[in-house]
Amino acid sequence: MTDAARTAALALVEAYYAAFNAGDRDAMLALLTDDVVHDLNQGARETGREAFAAFLRRMDRSYHEQLRDIVAMAGADGARAAAEYVVHGRYLADDDGLPPARGQAYVLPGGAFFDIRDGRIARVTNYYNLEDWIAQVG
């Protein structure tokens, strides 16, 4: 049973990032629980699929990103997973409290942690080094 749970968790995380890279926000949102918890990098915690959708709209306005070299990992019971990746992006429009956008390119390692419940993602906690990003775009 644990191999099946781990395999399902890995497939869920891989589907999430495939949808991200395809720009398919509806497919991403369909993989989340209604009460998904989203821990923003070095920031606030937001709860709910609608809050996550609003976050994606904010991100899409200011950034164009593709994740590469994705490595997903999952616990034996499939309840938690993690991923490490490299973000290749372009800063398109000013984001609140951050340097002005001029189309700057950046490459940044990042990671995420997931809770999985009933075959969907119940928590996403993202991390990347904000100071590194600011140095690249500033």
N, C-alpha and C. Protein backbone atom coordinates (compact mmCIF):
# COMPACT_ATOMS: atom_id res chain seq x y z
N MET A 1 0.82 -1.21 0.00
CA MET A 1 0.00 0.00 0.00
C MET A 1 0.86 1.27 0.00
N THR A 2 1.97 1.26 0.74
CA THR A 2 2.77 2.48 0.82
C THR A 2 3.41 2.85 -0.51
N ASP A 3 3.81 1.87 -1.31
CA ASP A 3 4.37 2.21 -2.62
C ASP A 3 3.33 2.90 -3.49
N ALA A 4 2.09 2.43 -3.44
CA ALA A 4 1.01 3.05 -4.21
C ALA A 4 0.75 4.47 -3.73
N ALA A 5 0.76 4.69 -2.42
CA ALA A 5 0.53 6.02 -1.86
C ALA A 5 1.65 6.98 -2.25
N ARG A 6 2.87 6.52 -2.16
CA ARG A 6 4.01 7.35 -2.54
C ARG A 6 3.94 7.68 -4.04
N THR A 7 3.65 6.69 -4.85
CA THR A 7 3.55 6.89 -6.30
C THR A 7 2.44 7.89 -6.63
N ALA A 8 1.30 7.80 -5.95
CA ALA A 8 0.20 8.73 -6.19
C ALA A 8 0.58 10.15 -5.78
N ALA A 9 1.28 10.30 -4.66
CA ALA A 9 1.72 11.62 -4.22
C ALA A 9 2.70 12.24 -5.22
N LEU A 10 3.63 11.44 -5.70
CA LEU A 10 4.59 11.94 -6.70
C LEU A 10 3.88 12.34 -7.98
N ALA A 11 2.92 11.54 -8.42
CA ALA A 11 2.17 11.86 -9.64
C ALA A 11 1.38 13.16 -9.47
N LEU A 12 0.83 13.39 -8.27
CA LEU A 12 0.08 14.61 -8.00
C LEU A 12 1.00 15.84 -8.07
N VAL A 13 2.15 15.77 -7.44
CA VAL A 13 3.10 16.88 -7.47
C VAL A 13 3.60 17.12 -8.90
N GLU A 14 3.88 16.06 -9.62
CA GLU A 14 4.33 16.21 -11.02
C GLU A 14 3.23 16.83 -11.89
N ALA A 15 1.97 16.45 -11.66
CA ALA A 15 0.86 17.04 -12.41
C ALA A 15 0.71 18.52 -12.08
N TYR A 16 0.91 18.87 -10.83
CA TYR A 16 0.83 20.27 -10.39
C TYR A 16 1.86 21.12 -11.13
N TYR A 17 3.10 20.64 -11.19
CA TYR A 17 4.14 21.42 -11.87
C TYR A 17 4.00 21.38 -13.39
N ALA A 18 3.49 20.29 -13.93
CA ALA A 18 3.22 20.26 -15.38
C ALA A 18 2.16 21.30 -15.73
N ALA A 19 1.12 21.42 -14.90
CA ALA A 19 0.09 22.43 -15.14
C ALA A 19 0.67 23.84 -14.99
N PHE A 20 1.53 24.03 -13.98
CA PHE A 20 2.18 25.33 -13.79
C PHE A 20 2.96 25.71 -15.04
N ASN A 21 3.81 24.81 -15.52
CA ASN A 21 4.65 25.11 -16.67
C ASN A 21 3.84 25.31 -17.94
N ALA A 22 2.67 24.67 -18.03
CA ALA A 22 1.79 24.83 -19.20
C ALA A 22 0.95 26.09 -19.10
N GLY A 23 1.00 26.78 -17.95
CA GLY A 23 0.17 27.97 -17.76
C GLY A 23 -1.29 27.62 -17.56
N ASP A 24 -1.59 26.38 -17.21
CA ASP A 24 -2.97 25.91 -17.05
C ASP A 24 -3.39 26.07 -15.60
N ARG A 25 -3.81 27.28 -15.25
CA ARG A 25 -4.17 27.58 -13.87
C ARG A 25 -5.39 26.79 -13.41
N ASP A 26 -6.35 26.54 -14.29
CA ASP A 26 -7.52 25.74 -13.91
C ASP A 26 -7.11 24.32 -13.51
N ALA A 27 -6.17 23.74 -14.25
CA ALA A 27 -5.70 22.39 -13.91
C ALA A 27 -4.97 22.41 -12.57
N MET A 28 -4.19 23.45 -12.31
CA MET A 28 -3.52 23.57 -11.01
C MET A 28 -4.55 23.62 -9.89
N LEU A 29 -5.53 24.48 -10.04
CA LEU A 29 -6.54 24.67 -9.00
C LEU A 29 -7.35 23.40 -8.75
N ALA A 30 -7.55 22.61 -9.80
CA ALA A 30 -8.32 21.37 -9.65
C ALA A 30 -7.57 20.34 -8.80
N LEU A 31 -6.27 20.50 -8.64
CA LEU A 31 -5.47 19.57 -7.85
C LEU A 31 -5.43 19.94 -6.37
N LEU A 32 -6.06 21.05 -6.00
CA LEU A 32 -6.04 21.55 -4.64
C LEU A 32 -7.34 21.23 -3.90
N THR A 33 -7.24 21.05 -2.58
CA THR A 33 -8.46 20.95 -1.77
C THR A 33 -9.11 22.32 -1.71
N ASP A 34 -10.41 22.35 -1.39
CA ASP A 34 -11.11 23.63 -1.26
C ASP A 34 -10.49 24.51 -0.19
N ASP A 35 -9.97 23.88 0.87
CA ASP A 35 -9.40 24.62 2.00
C ASP A 35 -7.87 24.62 1.99
N VAL A 36 -7.29 24.56 0.82
CA VAL A 36 -5.83 24.51 0.70
C VAL A 36 -5.18 25.65 1.48
N VAL A 37 -4.09 25.33 2.15
CA VAL A 37 -3.29 26.31 2.87
C VAL A 37 -2.07 26.62 2.00
N HIS A 38 -1.82 27.91 1.79
CA HIS A 38 -0.70 28.33 0.96
C HIS A 38 0.20 29.25 1.78
N ASP A 39 1.40 28.78 2.06
CA ASP A 39 2.40 29.58 2.76
C ASP A 39 3.27 30.24 1.71
N LEU A 40 3.10 31.56 1.57
CA LEU A 40 3.88 32.30 0.60
C LEU A 40 5.32 32.41 1.06
N ASN A 41 6.22 32.45 0.12
CA ASN A 41 7.64 32.55 0.45
C ASN A 41 7.88 33.72 1.40
N GLN A 42 8.45 33.44 2.56
CA GLN A 42 8.82 34.45 3.52
C GLN A 42 7.69 35.45 3.78
N GLY A 43 6.44 34.95 3.74
CA GLY A 43 5.32 35.86 3.89
C GLY A 43 4.14 35.23 4.60
N ALA A 44 2.98 35.69 4.24
CA ALA A 44 1.73 35.34 4.90
C ALA A 44 1.26 33.94 4.54
N ARG A 45 0.30 33.47 5.30
CA ARG A 45 -0.41 32.22 5.02
C ARG A 45 -1.79 32.59 4.51
N GLU A 46 -2.15 32.00 3.38
CA GLU A 46 -3.48 32.20 2.80
C GLU A 46 -4.20 30.86 2.79
N THR A 47 -5.51 30.91 2.92
CA THR A 47 -6.30 29.68 2.97
C THR A 47 -7.42 29.72 1.95
N GLY A 48 -7.60 28.62 1.24
CA GLY A 48 -8.71 28.47 0.31
C GLY A 48 -8.28 28.53 -1.14
N ARG A 49 -9.03 27.80 -1.96
CA ARG A 49 -8.73 27.75 -3.39
C ARG A 49 -8.90 29.12 -4.04
N GLU A 50 -9.88 29.92 -3.60
CA GLU A 50 -10.07 31.26 -4.18
C GLU A 50 -8.87 32.15 -3.88
N ALA A 51 -8.35 32.08 -2.67
CA ALA A 51 -7.16 32.87 -2.34
C ALA A 51 -5.98 32.43 -3.19
N PHE A 52 -5.88 31.13 -3.43
CA PHE A 52 -4.79 30.62 -4.26
C PHE A 52 -4.95 31.12 -5.70
N ALA A 53 -6.18 31.13 -6.20
CA ALA A 53 -6.44 31.64 -7.56
C ALA A 53 -6.06 33.11 -7.66
N ALA A 54 -6.38 33.90 -6.63
CA ALA A 54 -6.01 35.32 -6.63
C ALA A 54 -4.49 35.48 -6.62
N PHE A 55 -3.80 34.63 -5.86
CA PHE A 55 -2.34 34.65 -5.85
C PHE A 55 -1.79 34.37 -7.26
N LEU A 56 -2.34 33.37 -7.93
CA LEU A 56 -1.88 33.04 -9.29
C LEU A 56 -2.10 34.21 -10.25
N ARG A 57 -3.22 34.91 -10.11
CA ARG A 57 -3.46 36.07 -10.97
C ARG A 57 -2.42 37.16 -10.70
N ARG A 58 -2.09 37.40 -9.44
CA ARG A 58 -1.05 38.39 -9.11
C ARG A 58 0.28 37.98 -9.71
N MET A 59 0.62 36.72 -9.56
CA MET A 59 1.89 36.22 -10.10
C MET A 59 1.93 36.35 -11.62
N ASP A 60 0.86 35.96 -12.28
CA ASP A 60 0.83 36.00 -13.75
C ASP A 60 0.94 37.42 -14.28
N ARG A 61 0.49 38.40 -13.51
CA ARG A 61 0.58 39.80 -13.93
C ARG A 61 2.04 40.27 -13.91
N SER A 62 2.81 39.81 -12.93
CA SER A 62 4.16 40.35 -12.74
C SER A 62 5.29 39.45 -13.22
N TYR A 63 5.02 38.16 -13.40
CA TYR A 63 6.11 37.22 -13.68
C TYR A 63 5.73 36.24 -14.78
N HIS A 64 6.72 35.83 -15.53
CA HIS A 64 6.58 34.67 -16.41
C HIS A 64 7.66 33.69 -15.97
N GLU A 65 7.24 32.51 -15.50
CA GLU A 65 8.20 31.56 -14.95
C GLU A 65 7.98 30.16 -15.50
N GLN A 66 9.09 29.46 -15.63
CA GLN A 66 9.09 28.04 -15.95
C GLN A 66 9.98 27.36 -14.92
N LEU A 67 9.55 26.21 -14.45
CA LEU A 67 10.34 25.45 -13.49
C LEU A 67 11.04 24.32 -14.22
N ARG A 68 12.32 24.18 -13.96
CA ARG A 68 13.12 23.14 -14.61
C ARG A 68 13.84 22.32 -13.55
N ASP A 69 14.36 21.19 -13.98
CA ASP A 69 15.12 20.31 -13.08
C ASP A 69 14.32 19.98 -11.82
N ILE A 70 13.05 19.69 -11.99
CA ILE A 70 12.17 19.39 -10.86
C ILE A 70 12.46 17.99 -10.34
N VAL A 71 12.68 17.90 -9.04
CA VAL A 71 12.85 16.62 -8.37
C VAL A 71 11.79 16.56 -7.28
N ALA A 72 10.88 15.59 -7.39
CA ALA A 72 9.81 15.43 -6.40
C ALA A 72 10.15 14.25 -5.50
N MET A 73 9.77 14.38 -4.24
CA MET A 73 9.98 13.34 -3.24
C MET A 73 8.70 13.20 -2.45
N ALA A 74 8.42 12.01 -1.92
CA ALA A 74 7.21 11.80 -1.12
C ALA A 74 7.49 10.80 -0.03
N GLY A 75 6.80 10.99 1.08
CA GLY A 75 6.88 10.03 2.17
C GLY A 75 6.19 8.74 1.79
N ALA A 76 6.51 7.68 2.51
CA ALA A 76 5.97 6.35 2.20
C ALA A 76 4.45 6.31 2.26
N ASP A 77 3.85 7.11 3.17
CA ASP A 77 2.39 7.06 3.30
C ASP A 77 1.68 7.99 2.33
N GLY A 78 2.43 8.79 1.56
CA GLY A 78 1.85 9.67 0.56
C GLY A 78 1.17 10.90 1.13
N ALA A 79 1.30 11.15 2.43
CA ALA A 79 0.64 12.29 3.06
C ALA A 79 1.43 13.59 2.92
N ARG A 80 2.73 13.47 2.68
CA ARG A 80 3.56 14.65 2.51
C ARG A 80 4.51 14.43 1.35
N ALA A 81 4.81 15.53 0.67
CA ALA A 81 5.74 15.48 -0.45
C ALA A 81 6.53 16.78 -0.48
N ALA A 82 7.57 16.78 -1.27
CA ALA A 82 8.41 17.97 -1.44
C ALA A 82 8.94 17.98 -2.86
N ALA A 83 9.36 19.15 -3.30
CA ALA A 83 9.97 19.28 -4.62
C ALA A 83 11.05 20.33 -4.56
N GLU A 84 12.09 20.09 -5.33
CA GLU A 84 13.15 21.07 -5.52
C GLU A 84 13.21 21.35 -7.01
N TYR A 85 13.50 22.59 -7.37
CA TYR A 85 13.47 22.97 -8.78
C TYR A 85 14.31 24.22 -8.98
N VAL A 86 14.47 24.59 -10.25
CA VAL A 86 15.13 25.84 -10.61
C VAL A 86 14.12 26.68 -11.40
N VAL A 87 13.87 27.89 -10.90
CA VAL A 87 12.95 28.83 -11.55
C VAL A 87 13.72 29.62 -12.60
N HIS A 88 13.21 29.61 -13.82
CA HIS A 88 13.73 30.46 -14.89
C HIS A 88 12.61 31.45 -15.19
N GLY A 89 12.86 32.73 -14.88
CA GLY A 89 11.77 33.68 -15.00
C GLY A 89 12.15 35.00 -15.59
N ARG A 90 11.10 35.79 -15.79
CA ARG A 90 11.23 37.16 -16.27
C ARG A 90 10.26 38.00 -15.45
N TYR A 91 10.76 39.12 -14.94
CA TYR A 91 9.99 40.03 -14.11
C TYR A 91 9.33 41.07 -15.02
N LEU A 92 8.01 40.98 -15.19
CA LEU A 92 7.30 41.73 -16.22
C LEU A 92 6.68 43.04 -15.76
N ALA A 93 6.14 43.06 -14.55
CA ALA A 93 5.43 44.25 -14.06
C ALA A 93 5.71 44.39 -12.57
N ASP A 94 5.80 45.64 -12.11
CA ASP A 94 6.12 45.92 -10.71
C ASP A 94 5.22 45.12 -9.77
N ASP A 95 5.84 44.55 -8.74
CA ASP A 95 5.12 43.86 -7.68
C ASP A 95 5.33 44.66 -6.41
N ASP A 96 4.29 44.79 -5.60
CA ASP A 96 4.31 45.63 -4.40
C ASP A 96 5.52 45.36 -3.52
N GLY A 97 6.24 46.44 -3.17
CA GLY A 97 7.35 46.35 -2.25
C GLY A 97 8.63 45.80 -2.85
N LEU A 98 8.65 45.56 -4.15
CA LEU A 98 9.82 44.98 -4.80
C LEU A 98 10.39 45.96 -5.82
N PRO A 99 11.60 45.71 -6.30
CA PRO A 99 12.20 46.65 -7.27
C PRO A 99 11.33 46.81 -8.52
N PRO A 100 11.54 47.89 -9.27
CA PRO A 100 10.80 48.09 -10.51
C PRO A 100 11.10 46.99 -11.53
N ALA A 101 10.07 46.62 -12.28
CA ALA A 101 10.21 45.59 -13.31
C ALA A 101 10.59 46.24 -14.63
N ARG A 102 11.57 45.61 -15.30
CA ARG A 102 12.00 46.05 -16.62
C ARG A 102 12.23 44.85 -17.52
N GLY A 103 11.52 43.76 -17.24
CA GLY A 103 11.71 42.55 -18.04
C GLY A 103 12.95 41.76 -17.66
N GLN A 104 13.47 41.97 -16.45
CA GLN A 104 14.69 41.31 -16.02
C GLN A 104 14.51 39.79 -15.97
N ALA A 105 15.53 39.08 -16.43
CA ALA A 105 15.55 37.62 -16.34
C ALA A 105 16.20 37.21 -15.03
N TYR A 106 15.78 36.07 -14.51
CA TYR A 106 16.40 35.53 -13.30
C TYR A 106 16.36 34.01 -13.33
N VAL A 107 17.29 33.42 -12.62
CA VAL A 107 17.38 31.97 -12.45
C VAL A 107 17.60 31.75 -10.96
N LEU A 108 16.73 30.96 -10.35
CA LEU A 108 16.69 30.90 -8.90
C LEU A 108 16.29 29.51 -8.43
N PRO A 109 17.08 28.89 -7.56
CA PRO A 109 16.64 27.61 -7.00
C PRO A 109 15.48 27.84 -6.04
N GLY A 110 14.60 26.86 -5.96
CA GLY A 110 13.47 26.96 -5.05
C GLY A 110 13.01 25.59 -4.62
N GLY A 111 12.04 25.59 -3.74
CA GLY A 111 11.50 24.34 -3.26
C GLY A 111 10.10 24.53 -2.71
N ALA A 112 9.43 23.42 -2.49
CA ALA A 112 8.08 23.47 -1.94
C ALA A 112 7.82 22.21 -1.12
N PHE A 113 6.94 22.37 -0.15
CA PHE A 113 6.50 21.26 0.68
C PHE A 113 4.98 21.15 0.54
N PHE A 114 4.49 19.94 0.54
CA PHE A 114 3.07 19.69 0.32
C PHE A 114 2.50 18.76 1.38
N ASP A 115 1.27 19.04 1.81
CA ASP A 115 0.44 18.07 2.51
C ASP A 115 -0.56 17.57 1.50
N ILE A 116 -0.84 16.28 1.54
CA ILE A 116 -1.76 15.68 0.58
C ILE A 116 -2.88 14.99 1.36
N ARG A 117 -4.11 15.27 0.95
CA ARG A 117 -5.29 14.69 1.60
C ARG A 117 -6.31 14.30 0.54
N ASP A 118 -6.77 13.07 0.61
CA ASP A 118 -7.80 12.58 -0.31
C ASP A 118 -7.44 12.81 -1.78
N GLY A 119 -6.18 12.60 -2.11
CA GLY A 119 -5.74 12.70 -3.50
C GLY A 119 -5.56 14.10 -4.03
N ARG A 120 -5.60 15.10 -3.14
CA ARG A 120 -5.41 16.50 -3.55
C ARG A 120 -4.39 17.17 -2.65
N ILE A 121 -3.89 18.28 -3.11
CA ILE A 121 -2.92 19.05 -2.34
C ILE A 121 -3.67 19.91 -1.33
N ALA A 122 -3.32 19.73 -0.05
CA ALA A 122 -3.99 20.46 1.03
C ALA A 122 -3.13 21.60 1.59
N ARG A 123 -1.83 21.56 1.30
CA ARG A 123 -0.93 22.64 1.72
C ARG A 123 0.20 22.74 0.72
N VAL A 124 0.55 23.99 0.40
CA VAL A 124 1.74 24.29 -0.41
C VAL A 124 2.54 25.34 0.34
N THR A 125 3.77 25.01 0.67
CA THR A 125 4.69 25.96 1.30
C THR A 125 5.86 26.14 0.35
N ASN A 126 5.99 27.35 -0.18
CA ASN A 126 7.04 27.65 -1.15
C ASN A 126 8.21 28.35 -0.49
N TYR A 127 9.41 28.08 -1.01
CA TYR A 127 10.60 28.78 -0.53
C TYR A 127 11.55 29.04 -1.69
N TYR A 128 12.08 30.25 -1.70
CA TYR A 128 13.23 30.62 -2.53
C TYR A 128 13.93 31.75 -1.80
N ASN A 129 15.13 32.06 -2.19
CA ASN A 129 15.92 33.08 -1.52
C ASN A 129 15.56 34.44 -2.11
N LEU A 130 14.75 35.20 -1.39
CA LEU A 130 14.28 36.49 -1.87
C LEU A 130 15.44 37.46 -2.10
N GLU A 131 16.43 37.45 -1.22
CA GLU A 131 17.57 38.34 -1.39
C GLU A 131 18.33 38.04 -2.68
N ASP A 132 18.45 36.77 -3.03
CA ASP A 132 19.09 36.39 -4.29
C ASP A 132 18.28 36.94 -5.46
N TRP A 133 16.95 36.76 -5.41
CA TRP A 133 16.10 37.26 -6.49
C TRP A 133 16.24 38.78 -6.63
N ILE A 134 16.21 39.51 -5.51
CA ILE A 134 16.33 40.98 -5.55
C ILE A 134 17.67 41.38 -6.15
N ALA A 135 18.73 40.68 -5.78
CA ALA A 135 20.05 40.97 -6.35
C ALA A 135 20.06 40.76 -7.86
N GLN A 136 19.34 39.78 -8.33
CA GLN A 136 19.32 39.48 -9.78
C GLN A 136 18.50 40.52 -10.56
N VAL A 137 17.40 41.00 -9.98
CA VAL A 137 16.53 41.92 -10.72
C VAL A 137 16.80 43.39 -10.39
N GLY A 138 17.49 43.64 -9.28
CA GLY A 138 17.72 45.01 -8.83
C GLY A 138 18.82 45.65 -9.54
